[in-house]
Amino acid sequence: MDKVMSLLGFGRRARRVLSGEEGIRRAVLRRRARLLVVAEDASPQSRAMYQRLARAGGVSCTIYGRKEELGRALGTSARSAVAILDAGLASAVVQEIGRRSGGEE
């Protein structure tokens, strides 16, 4: 499991990461979410919906990982998206995704 997925699992255990469309929607609209992570293999409709939601709520949104990986990191079934509620954890996830996409593995 890569570091991003480990961070998501840690956040889930600390109750700072949540999944499920309704929970994510509530967290974004109540300004509790700090980052949305949407799976690369989420349907185009789901990706667009989460990106619109993030824009409307002023939340950063990134595309990373596959649905099965997100679900496994959270100890559940496949997930199209997760919301990170903690600013420090969100920053660490963004930093790690940037490091990985920059080829510094």
Protein backbone atom coordinates (compact mmCIF):
# COMPACT_ATOMS: atom_id res chain seq x y z
CA MET A 1 0.00 0.00 0.00
CA ASP A 2 1.41 3.39 -0.90
CA LYS A 3 1.85 6.27 1.52
CA VAL A 4 -1.27 8.16 0.35
CA MET A 5 -3.43 5.13 1.07
CA SER A 6 -1.71 4.67 4.43
CA LEU A 7 -2.49 8.29 5.30
CA LEU A 8 -6.13 7.77 4.33
CA GLY A 9 -6.31 4.66 6.52
CA PHE A 10 -4.78 6.55 9.43
CA GLY A 11 -7.28 9.37 8.90
CA ARG A 12 -10.17 6.94 8.84
CA ARG A 13 -9.11 5.40 12.14
CA ALA A 14 -8.86 8.94 13.59
CA ARG A 15 -12.33 9.72 12.18
CA ARG A 16 -10.91 12.48 10.00
CA VAL A 17 -11.75 10.79 6.67
CA LEU A 18 -15.19 9.83 5.50
CA SER A 19 -16.79 8.30 2.45
CA GLY A 20 -20.24 7.95 0.96
CA GLU A 21 -21.92 10.48 -1.28
CA GLU A 22 -24.26 11.94 1.35
CA GLY A 23 -21.59 12.20 4.03
CA ILE A 24 -19.17 13.86 1.63
CA ARG A 25 -21.87 16.27 0.44
CA ARG A 26 -22.72 17.27 4.03
CA ALA A 27 -19.07 17.73 4.98
CA VAL A 28 -18.38 19.93 1.95
CA LEU A 29 -21.49 22.07 2.30
CA ARG A 30 -20.91 22.52 6.05
CA ARG A 31 -17.32 23.56 5.29
CA ARG A 32 -15.85 20.66 7.27
CA ALA A 33 -14.07 18.97 4.34
CA ARG A 34 -10.56 20.12 3.48
CA LEU A 35 -9.89 17.87 0.48
CA LEU A 36 -11.80 15.48 -1.77
CA VAL A 37 -9.94 12.55 -3.28
CA VAL A 38 -11.79 11.05 -6.25
CA ALA A 39 -10.81 7.68 -7.73
CA GLU A 40 -9.26 7.64 -11.18
CA ASP A 41 -11.69 4.94 -12.27
CA ALA A 42 -14.82 6.65 -10.93
CA SER A 43 -17.42 7.17 -13.64
CA PRO A 44 -17.18 10.45 -15.56
CA GLN A 45 -20.52 11.46 -14.01
CA SER A 46 -19.26 10.81 -10.48
CA ARG A 47 -16.01 12.65 -11.11
CA ALA A 48 -17.88 15.66 -12.52
CA MET A 49 -20.36 15.63 -9.63
CA TYR A 50 -17.62 15.60 -6.97
CA GLN A 51 -15.63 18.27 -8.80
CA ARG A 52 -18.72 20.54 -9.00
CA LEU A 53 -19.43 19.90 -5.33
CA ALA A 54 -15.84 20.78 -4.39
CA ARG A 55 -15.98 24.01 -6.40
CA ALA A 56 -19.31 24.98 -4.84
CA GLY A 57 -17.94 24.34 -1.34
CA GLY A 58 -14.53 25.90 -1.93
CA VAL A 59 -12.75 22.60 -1.31
CA SER A 60 -9.71 21.29 -3.16
CA CYS A 61 -10.29 18.15 -5.21
CA THR A 62 -7.75 15.73 -6.58
CA ILE A 63 -7.94 12.56 -8.67
CA TYR A 64 -5.91 9.70 -7.22
CA GLY A 65 -5.98 5.93 -6.89
CA ARG A 66 -8.56 3.38 -7.88
CA LYS A 67 -11.90 2.70 -6.21
CA GLU A 68 -10.73 -0.64 -4.83
CA GLU A 69 -7.59 0.96 -3.37
CA LEU A 70 -9.58 3.73 -1.68
CA GLY A 71 -11.96 1.19 -0.21
CA ARG A 72 -9.16 -1.07 0.99
CA ALA A 73 -7.39 1.90 2.63
CA LEU A 74 -10.59 2.63 4.57
CA GLY A 75 -11.29 -1.01 5.37
CA THR A 76 -14.47 -1.10 3.33
CA SER A 77 -15.78 -1.83 -0.16
CA ALA A 78 -14.74 0.16 -3.24
CA ARG A 79 -15.19 3.93 -2.89
CA SER A 80 -15.42 6.52 -5.66
CA ALA A 81 -14.39 9.36 -3.36
CA VAL A 82 -13.36 10.26 0.15
CA ALA A 83 -13.39 13.54 2.05
CA ILE A 84 -10.56 14.51 4.36
CA LEU A 85 -11.68 16.63 7.30
CA ASP A 86 -8.31 17.52 8.83
CA ALA A 87 -6.22 20.32 7.28
CA GLY A 88 -2.89 18.76 8.27
CA LEU A 89 -3.82 15.38 6.87
CA ALA A 90 -5.13 16.99 3.68
CA SER A 91 -1.85 18.85 3.29
CA ALA A 92 0.17 15.66 3.79
CA VAL A 93 -1.94 13.82 1.19
CA VAL A 94 -1.57 16.63 -1.38
CA GLN A 95 2.16 16.79 -0.72
CA GLU A 96 2.58 13.04 -1.16
CA ILE A 97 0.49 12.98 -4.35
CA GLY A 98 2.62 15.82 -5.70
CA ARG A 99 5.81 14.01 -4.79
CA ARG A 100 4.62 10.83 -6.48
CA SER A 101 3.46 12.58 -9.63
CA GLY A 102 6.75 14.43 -9.73
CA GLY A 103 8.51 11.08 -10.12
CA GLU A 104 10.35 11.21 -6.79
CA GLU A 105 9.52 7.67 -5.62
